[in-house]
Structure formats: structure tokens, C-alpha cells
C-alpha atoms as a PDB file:
ATOM      1  CA  MET A   1       0.000   0.000   0.000  1.00  0.00           C
ATOM      2  CA  ALA A   2       1.361   3.421  -0.960  1.00  0.00           C
ATOM      3  CA  ASP A   3       1.327   6.459   1.278  1.00  0.00           C
ATOM      4  CA  VAL A   4       0.140   9.507  -0.690  1.00  0.00           C
ATOM      5  CA  ARG A   5       0.155  13.063   0.609  1.00  0.00           C
ATOM      6  CA  ILE A   6      -1.648  15.917  -1.093  1.00  0.00           C
ATOM      7  CA  ARG A   7      -0.678  19.387   0.082  1.00  0.00           C
ATOM      8  CA  GLU A   8      -3.172  21.434  -1.941  1.00  0.00           C
ATOM      9  CA  ALA A   9      -6.330  20.593  -3.802  1.00  0.00           C
ATOM     10  CA  ALA A  10      -9.021  22.623  -5.538  1.00  0.00           C
ATOM     11  CA  VAL A  11     -12.312  20.773  -5.388  1.00  0.00           C
ATOM     12  CA  SER A  12     -15.919  21.409  -6.226  1.00  0.00           C
ATOM     13  CA  MET A  13     -18.435  19.168  -4.471  1.00  0.00           C
ATOM     14  CA  ARG A  14     -22.154  18.776  -4.764  1.00  0.00           C
ATOM     15  CA  VAL A  15     -23.974  16.825  -2.087  1.00  0.00           C
ATOM     16  CA  VAL A  16     -27.191  15.023  -2.987  1.00  0.00           C
ATOM     17  CA  ASP A  17     -29.425  12.547  -1.280  1.00  0.00           C
ATOM     18  CA  GLY A  18     -28.696   9.130  -2.759  1.00  0.00           C
ATOM     19  CA  GLU A  19     -32.372   8.142  -2.388  1.00  0.00           C
ATOM     20  CA  SER A  20     -33.521  11.005  -4.605  1.00  0.00           C
ATOM     21  CA  LEU A  21     -31.571  10.043  -7.716  1.00  0.00           C
ATOM     22  CA  LEU A  22     -33.761   8.731 -10.504  1.00  0.00           C
ATOM     23  CA  THR A  23     -32.539   7.194 -13.698  1.00  0.00           C
ATOM     24  CA  PRO A  24     -34.494   8.012 -16.846  1.00  0.00           C
ATOM     25  CA  ALA A  25     -35.693   4.396 -16.993  1.00  0.00           C
ATOM     26  CA  LEU A  26     -36.968   4.477 -13.406  1.00  0.00           C
ATOM     27  CA  LEU A  27     -38.670   7.825 -13.965  1.00  0.00           C
ATOM     28  CA  GLU A  28     -40.387   6.400 -17.067  1.00  0.00           C
ATOM     29  CA  ARG A  29     -41.644   3.408 -15.055  1.00  0.00           C
ATOM     30  CA  ILE A  30     -43.042   5.741 -12.395  1.00  0.00           C
ATOM     31  CA  VAL A  31     -44.809   7.892 -14.996  1.00  0.00           C
ATOM     32  CA  GLU A  32     -46.316   4.799 -16.668  1.00  0.00           C
ATOM     33  CA  ALA A  33     -47.550   3.488 -13.307  1.00  0.00           C
ATOM     34  CA  VAL A  34     -49.181   6.821 -12.453  1.00  0.00           C
ATOM     35  CA  GLN A  35     -50.825   7.038 -15.877  1.00  0.00           C
ATOM     36  CA  ALA A  36     -52.177   3.498 -15.536  1.00  0.00           C
ATOM     37  CA  ALA A  37     -53.545   4.259 -12.068  1.00  0.00           C
ATOM     38  CA  LEU A  38     -55.251   7.425 -13.328  1.00  0.00           C
ATOM     39  CA  ALA A  39     -56.778   5.562 -16.279  1.00  0.00           C
ATOM     40  CA  ALA A  40     -58.086   2.832 -13.951  1.00  0.00           C
ATOM     41  CA  GLN A  41     -59.523   5.433 -11.598  1.00  0.00           C
ATOM     42  CA  HIS A  42     -61.223   7.221 -14.509  1.00  0.00           C
ATOM     43  CA  GLU A  43     -62.684   3.947 -15.802  1.00  0.00           C
ATOM     44  CA  ALA A  44     -63.983   3.068 -12.320  1.00  0.00           C
ATOM     45  CA  THR A  45     -65.638   6.478 -12.047  1.00  0.00           C
ATOM     46  CA  GLN A  46     -67.270   6.073 -15.464  1.00  0.00           C
ATOM     47  CA  ALA A  47     -68.468   2.545 -14.601  1.00  0.00           C
ATOM     48  CA  ARG A  48     -69.926   3.777 -11.312  1.00  0.00           C
ATOM     49  CA  ARG A  49     -71.791   6.551 -13.162  1.00  0.00           C
ATOM     50  CA  ARG A  50     -73.158   4.071 -15.704  1.00  0.00           C
ATOM     51  CA  ASP A  51     -74.222   1.655 -12.979  1.00  0.00           C
ATOM     52  CA  THR A  52     -75.984   4.259 -10.838  1.00  0.00           C
ATOM     53  CA  ARG A  53     -77.589   6.302 -13.594  1.00  0.00           C
ATOM     54  CA  LEU A  54     -81.340   6.649 -13.421  1.00  0.00           C
ATOM     55  CA  SER A  55     -83.139   6.366 -16.708  1.00  0.00           C
ATOM     56  CA  GLY A  56     -86.637   7.786 -17.012  1.00  0.00           C
ATOM     57  CA  GLY A  57     -87.225   6.271 -20.420  1.00  0.00           C
ATOM     58  CA  ALA A  58     -88.575   8.082 -23.449  1.00  0.00           C
ATOM     59  CA  GLY A  59     -89.898  11.539 -22.845  1.00  0.00           C
ATOM     60  CA  CYS A  60     -88.098  12.118 -19.544  1.00  0.00           C
ATOM     61  CA  GLU A  61     -87.686  15.850 -19.081  1.00  0.00           C
ATOM     62  CA  CYS A  62     -85.947  15.732 -15.690  1.00  0.00           C
ATOM     63  CA  CYS A  63     -82.456  15.154 -17.042  1.00  0.00           C
ATOM     64  CA  ASP A  64     -80.465  15.266 -20.269  1.00  0.00           C
ATOM     65  CA  ASP A  65     -78.715  12.383 -22.037  1.00  0.00           C
ATOM     66  CA  ASP A  66     -75.640  12.348 -19.791  1.00  0.00           C
ATOM     67  CA  GLY A  67     -77.677  11.840 -16.612  1.00  0.00           C
ATOM     68  CA  GLY A  68     -77.349  15.399 -15.362  1.00  0.00           C
ATOM     69  CA  PRO A  69     -80.054  18.021 -14.843  1.00  0.00           C
END
């Protein structure tokens, strides 16, 4: 093992949290997971609206075609 001594050094350091570093591939996976979750949530909301929609039949004047007043 060698013994090295450095008398002067000019250094620039940047300190970051190792847990916060994201690779582009990992960031892409996170974005895809969030998009999938949002799409599933939207589909569940639409299904719930379809399942709970009241239909008055022909000539119903209480609501329009999308189930709202």
C-alpha cells in the first residue's frame, strides 16, 4: 500500500441525497404506473356513473342524455 500526501487541492463538491436520484428508466416506469392508475380510476368512475344512472325512459324531461339536470 502506498502512502500519498496531497498538500493542496481545488475541489468542487455537490452533495445530494442518494435516495432522490432517478434514472431516466426508473422515472419512465413511475410515470407509466401513475398514468395506468389514473386511467383505472377514470374507468372506475365512469363505470360507477353508468351503474348508478337513473333512466326515465322516453320523454323524460328531468335530465339530459348524460344523466345530469
